[in-house]
Amino acid sequence: MPQSNKKPSPIRAVATVHKKGVRKRVVKKKAPKVTPVKILRYSLLVAFFAFILAAGYQYRHGFLYYLGFKTNKHIESLTEEDRKIADVRNYEIISRHKDKVFGLDVSHYQGVIRWDSIERVKGEFPLDFMFIRSTTGIDDDTRFKQNWRNAKNAGFLRGAYHYYRPDENSLKQADNFISMVKLDKGDLPPVLDIERISSKQNLDSLKSGLKRWLVTVEKHYGVKPIIYSGESFYTDFLKQEFEGYTLWIANYSFFEDKIRDEWLFWQFTDKGAVNGIDGNVDVNIYNGNLAALNQLVIK
């Protein structure tokens, strides 16, 4: 066969090109920056929830009563008597002082009291004593005579208190109290109610006036008076110079849930509700049992 003049085509090498995988760049997220503001915010949030939990535990009996779990009653079906202790804090305090004695204090602000409607021995806390405002400064309480007489007829241990006006003469105030109040055997000692400082005289003059009232009244009745005041007022202005007197202290703080040893009486609320009295009324605890309270009365 004749040979072809064409040159053979060169063999081409086929190379397989493998593309390398393209790596995606991973962008790392920055960790959130912790700032003092955030720390404070979280701390306050934790403190808030801790407070809620602590308050819930502290007043668990009151909350249960309020919701009806303790008595198997719903709020809408509470009787009028139940409603007087429906307030959570009040019920909690009452539940912690079952071994103490409870009482009220009243004045003309309570209007005409229906004494025969007050249930002394029924309900969650029996009522055994009644403090009645007799005088305020050199003026008389317009309901004192009726309240004084009716409290005794209703079987209460009764006591009279004077609301002290710092800008009026202390001896005239003492004389006014003495002329209005006749204490009998079985009555509680007289009470001096001091709640504010003077707008016209200094603190030393106020203290001197209080001492004159106390000495004059003690000399007349032969028994040392009780001092009534708010806790802060007594601590700030009176404590150092009137330590020898027994105390009736008003303190409505949410965090105060037990009577202190140094308080003879504790006014723990001004929002009590009692059958026979329209509107709110102050409720008090005596720091002892009924037998001890009977030892306190005038012999």
Protein backbone atom coordinates (compact mmCIF):
# COMPACT_ATOMS: atom_id res chain seq x y z
CA MET A 1 0.00 0.00 0.00
CA PRO A 2 1.28 3.37 -0.76
CA GLN A 3 2.25 5.37 2.34
CA SER A 4 0.27 8.54 3.15
CA ASN A 5 2.09 11.84 3.03
CA LYS A 6 0.07 13.10 6.08
CA LYS A 7 1.86 13.30 9.30
CA PRO A 8 0.08 11.68 12.18
CA SER A 9 -1.66 14.15 14.53
CA PRO A 10 0.10 14.48 17.81
CA ILE A 11 -1.65 12.86 20.75
CA ARG A 12 -2.94 15.51 23.11
CA ALA A 13 -2.87 14.71 26.76
CA VAL A 14 -6.17 15.49 28.38
CA ALA A 15 -5.59 16.84 31.84
CA THR A 16 -8.42 16.73 34.32
CA VAL A 17 -8.41 19.91 36.23
CA HIS A 18 -9.80 19.50 39.78
CA LYS A 19 -11.09 22.76 41.14
CA LYS A 20 -10.22 23.20 44.71
CA GLY A 21 -13.23 23.88 46.95
CA VAL A 22 -13.55 27.53 47.74
CA ARG A 23 -13.63 27.98 51.54
CA LYS A 24 -16.16 30.44 52.76
CA ARG A 25 -14.86 32.90 55.24
CA VAL A 26 -16.54 32.34 58.61
CA VAL A 27 -17.30 35.61 60.31
CA LYS A 28 -17.22 35.18 64.06
CA LYS A 29 -19.95 37.00 65.93
CA LYS A 30 -18.73 39.31 68.58
CA ALA A 31 -19.76 38.43 72.12
CA PRO A 32 -22.19 40.98 73.55
CA LYS A 33 -20.36 43.61 75.47
CA VAL A 34 -21.04 43.60 79.19
CA THR A 35 -21.40 47.14 80.41
CA PRO A 36 -21.91 48.50 83.91
CA VAL A 37 -25.39 49.64 82.84
CA LYS A 38 -26.36 46.10 81.83
CA ILE A 39 -24.96 44.69 85.05
CA LEU A 40 -27.00 47.18 87.05
CA ARG A 41 -30.11 46.42 85.02
CA TYR A 42 -29.82 42.65 85.53
CA SER A 43 -29.02 43.12 89.21
CA LEU A 44 -32.13 45.23 89.71
CA LEU A 45 -34.22 42.66 87.85
CA VAL A 46 -32.91 39.83 90.03
CA ALA A 47 -33.47 41.90 93.16
CA PHE A 48 -37.03 42.69 92.08
CA PHE A 49 -37.96 39.04 91.56
CA ALA A 50 -36.24 38.10 94.81
CA PHE A 51 -38.33 40.73 96.59
CA ILE A 52 -41.53 39.38 95.04
CA LEU A 53 -40.68 35.84 96.11
CA ALA A 54 -39.73 36.94 99.61
CA ALA A 55 -42.89 39.01 100.01
CA GLY A 56 -45.00 36.12 98.74
CA TYR A 57 -43.47 33.78 101.28
CA GLN A 58 -43.64 36.31 104.10
CA TYR A 59 -47.34 36.95 103.55
CA ARG A 60 -48.33 33.54 102.23
CA HIS A 61 -51.10 33.06 104.79
CA GLY A 62 -52.61 36.40 103.92
CA PHE A 63 -52.51 35.74 100.18
CA LEU A 64 -54.09 32.34 100.63
CA TYR A 65 -56.83 33.78 102.78
CA TYR A 66 -57.41 36.60 100.32
CA LEU A 67 -57.76 34.18 97.41
CA GLY A 68 -60.12 31.96 99.37
CA PHE A 69 -57.88 28.89 99.63
CA LYS A 70 -57.66 29.01 103.42
CA THR A 71 -61.38 29.21 104.04
CA ASN A 72 -62.66 27.64 100.81
CA LYS A 73 -64.44 30.88 99.99
CA HIS A 74 -64.14 33.22 97.05
CA ILE A 75 -63.63 36.94 97.48
CA GLU A 76 -67.03 37.77 96.04
CA SER A 77 -68.73 35.55 98.62
CA LEU A 78 -66.89 36.89 101.70
CA THR A 79 -69.20 38.01 104.45
CA GLU A 80 -68.94 41.52 105.87
CA GLU A 81 -67.09 40.08 108.84
CA ASP A 82 -64.62 38.31 106.56
CA ARG A 83 -64.02 41.47 104.59
CA LYS A 84 -62.68 43.30 107.64
CA ILE A 85 -59.61 41.05 107.54
CA ALA A 86 -59.39 40.52 103.78
CA ASP A 87 -56.45 42.87 103.57
CA VAL A 88 -53.42 40.64 103.12
CA ARG A 89 -51.08 42.37 105.54
CA ASN A 90 -53.69 42.74 108.25
CA TYR A 91 -54.61 39.08 108.14
CA GLU A 92 -50.97 38.02 108.21
CA ILE A 93 -50.35 40.13 111.32
CA ILE A 94 -53.50 38.83 112.97
CA SER A 95 -52.48 35.24 112.24
CA ARG A 96 -49.11 35.83 113.92
CA HIS A 97 -50.59 37.27 117.11
CA LYS A 98 -53.25 34.78 118.11
CA ASP A 99 -51.90 34.82 121.66
CA LYS A 100 -52.26 38.62 121.95
CA VAL A 101 -55.21 40.94 122.62
CA PHE A 102 -56.80 43.20 119.99
CA GLY A 103 -58.62 46.49 120.32
CA LEU A 104 -59.63 49.68 118.51
CA ASP A 105 -59.21 53.40 118.99
CA VAL A 106 -61.99 55.77 117.97
CA SER A 107 -62.87 59.45 117.88
CA HIS A 108 -65.54 61.67 116.38
CA TYR A 109 -64.13 60.73 112.95
CA GLN A 110 -65.90 57.36 113.24
CA GLY A 111 -69.25 59.16 113.58
CA VAL A 112 -72.08 57.43 115.41
CA ILE A 113 -70.88 53.97 116.37
CA ARG A 114 -73.45 51.16 116.50
CA TRP A 115 -72.01 49.54 119.59
CA ASP A 116 -74.46 46.67 119.68
CA SER A 117 -73.29 45.64 116.18
CA ILE A 118 -69.61 45.28 117.12
CA GLU A 119 -68.90 41.58 117.43
CA ARG A 120 -66.49 41.34 120.33
CA VAL A 121 -65.86 37.60 120.44
CA LYS A 122 -66.60 36.44 116.89
CA GLY A 123 -64.43 36.63 113.81
CA GLU A 124 -60.71 36.21 113.41
CA PHE A 125 -59.69 38.50 116.27
CA PRO A 126 -61.76 39.11 119.42
CA LEU A 127 -61.94 42.76 120.49
CA ASP A 128 -61.28 43.42 124.17
CA PHE A 129 -60.25 47.05 124.59
CA MET A 130 -61.15 50.46 123.23
CA PHE A 131 -59.16 53.69 123.37
CA ILE A 132 -61.35 56.78 122.97
CA ARG A 133 -60.20 60.27 122.15
CA SER A 134 -61.43 62.66 124.82
CA THR A 135 -59.72 65.94 124.03
CA THR A 136 -57.62 67.60 121.38
CA GLY A 137 -55.59 70.52 122.62
CA ILE A 138 -57.95 72.73 124.65
CA ASP A 139 -60.99 71.40 122.76
CA ASP A 140 -63.19 68.39 123.45
CA ASP A 141 -63.97 65.50 121.15
CA THR A 142 -67.65 65.85 120.33
CA ARG A 143 -68.32 62.10 120.54
CA PHE A 144 -66.31 61.34 123.68
CA LYS A 145 -69.07 61.22 126.28
CA GLN A 146 -71.25 58.90 124.20
CA ASN A 147 -68.33 56.68 123.19
CA TRP A 148 -66.96 56.54 126.74
CA ARG A 149 -70.27 55.46 128.21
CA ASN A 150 -71.15 53.02 125.43
CA ALA A 151 -67.74 51.34 125.41
CA LYS A 152 -68.17 50.35 129.04
CA ASN A 153 -71.75 49.21 128.52
CA ALA A 154 -70.55 47.04 125.61
CA GLY A 155 -68.05 45.30 127.88
CA PHE A 156 -64.80 46.77 126.61
CA LEU A 157 -61.81 47.67 128.71
CA ARG A 158 -61.67 51.38 127.96
CA GLY A 159 -59.02 54.06 127.97
CA ALA A 160 -59.00 57.78 127.12
CA TYR A 161 -56.39 59.61 125.08
CA HIS A 162 -55.52 63.25 124.56
CA TYR A 163 -54.31 64.57 121.20
CA TYR A 164 -51.56 67.03 122.02
CA ARG A 165 -51.32 70.29 120.07
CA PRO A 166 -47.72 71.56 120.27
CA ASP A 167 -48.67 75.22 119.84
CA GLU A 168 -51.14 75.32 122.74
CA ASN A 169 -50.39 75.68 126.44
CA SER A 170 -49.51 72.29 127.92
CA LEU A 171 -51.03 72.91 131.37
CA LYS A 172 -54.31 74.08 129.85
CA GLN A 173 -54.35 70.92 127.77
CA ALA A 174 -53.74 68.79 130.86
CA ASP A 175 -56.51 70.57 132.76
CA ASN A 176 -58.84 70.08 129.82
CA PHE A 177 -58.18 66.33 129.82
CA ILE A 178 -58.65 66.06 133.58
CA SER A 179 -61.93 67.98 133.51
CA MET A 180 -63.28 65.76 130.73
CA VAL A 181 -62.11 62.30 131.81
CA LYS A 182 -63.12 60.54 135.01
CA LEU A 183 -61.17 57.30 135.23
CA ASP A 184 -62.77 54.51 137.26
CA LYS A 185 -61.37 51.28 138.59
CA GLY A 186 -60.95 48.92 135.66
CA ASP A 187 -60.10 51.66 133.16
CA LEU A 188 -56.80 51.78 131.29
CA PRO A 189 -54.17 54.45 132.09
CA PRO A 190 -54.47 57.86 130.36
CA VAL A 191 -52.70 58.31 127.03
CA LEU A 192 -50.83 61.28 125.56
CA ASP A 193 -50.95 61.30 121.76
CA ILE A 194 -48.07 63.32 120.26
CA GLU A 195 -47.54 63.18 116.49
CA ARG A 196 -46.00 66.44 115.30
CA ILE A 197 -43.53 69.13 116.23
CA SER A 198 -44.38 72.76 116.83
CA SER A 199 -44.34 75.41 114.13
CA LYS A 200 -43.79 78.16 116.71
CA GLN A 201 -41.40 76.78 119.32
CA ASN A 202 -38.22 74.73 119.34
CA LEU A 203 -37.95 71.05 120.15
CA ASP A 204 -36.77 71.61 123.73
CA SER A 205 -39.86 73.70 124.46
CA LEU A 206 -42.05 70.95 123.01
CA LYS A 207 -40.42 68.34 125.24
CA SER A 208 -40.84 70.57 128.29
CA GLY A 209 -44.53 70.98 127.50
CA LEU A 210 -44.99 67.23 127.10
CA LYS A 211 -43.31 66.60 130.45
CA ARG A 212 -45.57 69.15 132.18
CA TRP A 213 -48.65 67.43 130.73
CA LEU A 214 -47.43 63.98 131.78
CA VAL A 215 -46.50 65.03 135.32
CA THR A 216 -49.77 66.91 135.87
CA VAL A 217 -51.92 64.02 134.63
CA GLU A 218 -49.96 61.41 136.57
CA LYS A 219 -50.30 63.43 139.77
CA HIS A 220 -54.06 63.71 139.33
CA TYR A 221 -54.85 60.07 138.51
CA GLY A 222 -52.03 58.42 140.44
CA VAL A 223 -50.94 56.36 137.44
CA LYS A 224 -48.23 56.92 134.85
CA PRO A 225 -49.61 57.81 131.41
CA ILE A 226 -48.87 55.92 128.20
CA ILE A 227 -47.26 57.74 125.28
CA TYR A 228 -48.70 57.25 121.80
CA SER A 229 -46.67 58.25 118.74
CA GLY A 230 -45.52 57.14 115.33
CA GLU A 231 -42.38 55.02 115.47
CA SER A 232 -40.26 57.47 113.46
CA PHE A 233 -41.44 60.49 115.46
CA TYR A 234 -40.74 58.80 118.78
CA THR A 235 -37.31 57.54 117.68
CA ASP A 236 -36.24 60.88 116.22
CA PHE A 237 -37.57 63.28 118.85
CA LEU A 238 -38.66 61.59 122.08
CA LYS A 239 -36.84 58.34 122.79
CA GLN A 240 -33.87 59.66 124.75
CA GLU A 241 -35.90 61.70 127.23
CA PHE A 242 -39.08 59.64 127.63
CA GLU A 243 -37.70 56.12 127.98
CA GLY A 244 -39.41 55.52 131.30
CA TYR A 245 -42.89 55.57 129.76
CA THR A 246 -44.74 52.65 128.28
CA LEU A 247 -45.35 52.98 124.56
CA TRP A 248 -48.21 52.72 122.15
CA ILE A 249 -46.58 52.88 118.72
CA ALA A 250 -48.14 53.37 115.28
CA ASN A 251 -46.32 51.59 112.48
CA TYR A 252 -48.07 50.57 109.24
CA SER A 253 -44.95 49.43 107.37
CA PHE A 254 -45.32 46.49 105.00
CA PHE A 255 -42.15 45.03 106.51
CA GLU A 256 -43.32 45.27 110.13
CA ASP A 257 -45.21 42.09 110.88
CA LYS A 258 -44.60 41.44 114.58
CA ILE A 259 -45.00 43.53 117.70
CA ARG A 260 -41.70 44.52 119.26
CA ASP A 261 -40.83 43.75 122.86
CA GLU A 262 -40.58 47.44 123.78
CA TRP A 263 -44.09 48.26 122.49
CA LEU A 264 -46.94 47.86 124.97
CA PHE A 265 -49.49 48.50 122.22
CA TRP A 266 -49.02 48.44 118.46
CA GLN A 267 -51.35 50.25 116.09
CA PHE A 268 -50.62 48.19 112.99
CA THR A 269 -53.25 49.57 110.63
CA ASP A 270 -55.59 52.50 110.13
CA LYS A 271 -57.64 50.54 107.60
CA GLY A 272 -59.53 48.10 109.76
CA ALA A 273 -63.15 47.28 108.99
CA VAL A 274 -65.50 46.39 111.84
CA ASN A 275 -69.23 45.84 111.97
CA GLY A 276 -70.93 48.80 113.60
CA ILE A 277 -68.33 51.37 112.45
CA ASP A 278 -68.65 53.12 109.11
CA GLY A 279 -65.39 53.54 107.22
CA ASN A 280 -61.90 52.64 108.35
CA VAL A 281 -60.82 52.30 111.95
CA ASP A 282 -57.45 51.86 113.70
CA VAL A 283 -56.69 48.35 114.97
CA ASN A 284 -54.24 47.70 117.81
CA ILE A 285 -52.49 44.79 119.48
CA TYR A 286 -51.69 44.60 123.18
CA ASN A 287 -48.35 42.91 123.86
CA GLY A 288 -49.69 40.26 126.19
CA ASN A 289 -52.75 38.18 126.99
CA LEU A 290 -56.04 39.29 128.50
CA ALA A 291 -54.95 38.44 132.04
CA ALA A 292 -51.92 40.73 131.66
CA LEU A 293 -54.06 43.51 130.23
CA ASN A 294 -56.34 43.31 133.24
CA GLN A 295 -53.31 43.86 135.45
CA LEU A 296 -52.62 47.14 133.65
CA VAL A 297 -55.94 48.75 134.57
CA ILE A 298 -56.46 51.21 137.41
CA LYS A 299 -57.01 49.41 140.70
